[in-house]
Amino acid sequence: MNNNRIQINILHGKREGNAFLRGTLFDGPQKLDFSESAKRMALLPKEDAGELLSRTNGFFSAVSSDGRSGWMAVDRLRTMPLFYGTWNDTLFISDNARWVREKVEEREMDPIARQEFLLAGYVTGPDTLFSRVKQVQAGELVRFRADDDGSIVLEPQRYFRYLHHDYLREDEASLRKRLDDMLLPTFRRMLEYVAGRTIVVPLSGGYDSRLIVLMLKRMEYENVVAFSYGRPGNQEAETSKQVAEQLGIRWEFVPYSDEEWYQWYRSPEMQAYFEYADGLCSLPHIQDWPAVMVLKREGRIPEDSVFVPGHTGDKISG
């Protein structure tokens, strides 16, 4: 959807009317129909978008525009990033940061953002490594409009923030029940999304991934594959194998070596992954990447598998 003032280039996802939508939305426990979700967003006035998003769960990115104004948003974790920038009184929006960089004619890295990236592994806030390329933040809605005076007006709004509050003053039994009351609907919602497909869990010795496979066993979901990787005999893999065997889950292992890492790291596939995943703002996670590539290439997991990694627990625990 392009005019002279607002140009939108979405590579992943689908278009329905004036809306581009990628991902899956839930209204409470109910998974929303994709077309219905897109139509609802296309018809939604930008003034009401924040209210809708604040009560919507799931993983998604969305852009809605009538050609002169509109809004863009990502989910609470920024699972599917969006980028934007302005240049010569034109707004460029895309899920490809490099496309935006090209359109805003940005050639030099911002020196402060570069230092931040080197120290932290990512650039904070709405910034990227290039000052004219911006990112929609987690839980953020950005309204936009092209005014008659030639200016582009951007109005960011955080529709969701994960804020730390005082520690809960309850006994252990109460806290366990509260945790269980959150886990059960979360996993039911996930299984509705999965719809019978194979769930693939990168299973380590950590609590997060072990909790996932235990919950899947508890909910009697059988179509599960666990995997580990690394040097043969490493402790994480041994623990992973023991847990999988105890739960009756098929377990796969992908061995790593210095020689294989040398080849993987210099491969065109790795370079393509970097360009897809870095968003000009963060260091891509590569530890699991070779294992996933090998499992897919050797047909050890179905093409439509759904990966459920335990490290997503770190999003809320630290």
Foldseek 3Di string as FASTA:
>chain_A
DDDPAEAEDEPDADAAAQKGKDWWKDQQLRTDDPNVVRVCQQPDDQVCVLVVLLRIDTFMWMWGDPHFKTKIATAQQCPQKKKWFDAQLHIYIYSAQVVRCVVNVFDDFDVVLVVVCVVPQFGDDQDFRTRRMGIADRQKMWIWGRDPVSHIDIDIDRSDDDDDDDDDDDDPVVVVVVVVVVVVSVVSSVCVVCVLFAEEEAAWLDPQSLVVLVVCLVVVRQRYEYEYEEAPPDPRRVNRVVSCVVSVHHYYYYYDDPVVCVDVCPDVVVVVVCSSPASSTGHDDCPCVVVVVVCVVVVVHDPSYHYDYRCVVVVNVD
